[in-house]
Amino acid sequence: EAAAPADDALAAPAATGAPAVGWGSADLGTPATFVLLRHGETPLTPEKRFSGSGGSDPELSDVGRHQAERVAAALAARGTIQDIVASPLRRCRETADAVARRLGLEVRVEEGLRETDFGAWEGLTFAEAKERYPDDLAAWLASTKVAPTGGGESFAAVTRRVAASRDKLIARYTGRTVLLVTHVTPIKTLVRLALGAPPESLFRMELSAASLTAVAYYADGNASVRLLNETAHLR
C-alpha cells in the first residue's frame, strides 16, 4: 500500500509565492463558499455519546427537528444558498431536507461527509469508553493516526476522506455558495485545514448542534474561515 500523504499536504495550499488572502490581487473571482451546518440533535447528542458512521444511525429528536426548521428559516431569510450537499447519515439527510423544502432545492449526497466510524465506542459516553478501553482511548487522544477500538477510523483517515470530498466539491461548485450538512469531525477538519492548524486543534473547537460555520475557497488556492459555530438562529 502506498504511503499516506503527509497531513500538511491536505491543506488548501496557495500556489508557490502566492500571497495570503487579503494581500493578493482583488481579481480572484467569486470563491466557492461552503456553509457548514452541523445536523440537529439526536437522542444521543445531549448525552454526549460517540455517534459516528458505524453505529445506529439515529434520526433527529423532536428538539433536533425544531432546530432544523429554525436554521432552515434563517437560511431562507439570508437567501444566499444555491446548492445543498449532505452526509448520507439520517440525521444530516433530515436536517438537509428541512432546509431544502424552504429553499426549493434538491439535496445531493456526498459519502465523504459522513462522520468518523468510532468502532466499539459507538453509543458510549466518553467516561464509558475510558472505563472499558482506557489504553485505546489514551492512544487515540495522543495521536490522530490511532483508530478507535474495534476497527473504527482514525482522524488521519477521516482527514484524507474529507479533503478529497472538499477538493471535488470546490471544483464542482466554483463561484457558488453551497450548504454542506454534515457532522462535528468533518466540519472541524475543514476549518482546521483552511487555517493550516495542527491536528490537535480538532480537540479545541466547539460545534453546537444545528450551528453554522463558513469557509470560502479562492481561485489562488487560499481559504478563509468566515464564520464559526453561529447559533443565533436557535435563540
Foldseek 3Di string as FASTA:
>chain_A
DDDDDDLLVLFLDFPPPADAPPPHDPPQAFFAKEKEWEFFAFPCVVVQADAFDQDDLTAHDPRRLVLLLLLLVVCLVVVAADAEEEAPGRRLVSSRVSNCVSVVYDYHYDPLQTGWFQAPRGPPHPVVCCVVPVVLVVVLLVDQCRGHPHDIHRLSVSLVSLSVVVVVVRVVRGNGYYYYHHHLSSVLSNVCSLVVHDPNCSVVADAHHRFIWMKTATPSRHIDTDGGRDDPSVD
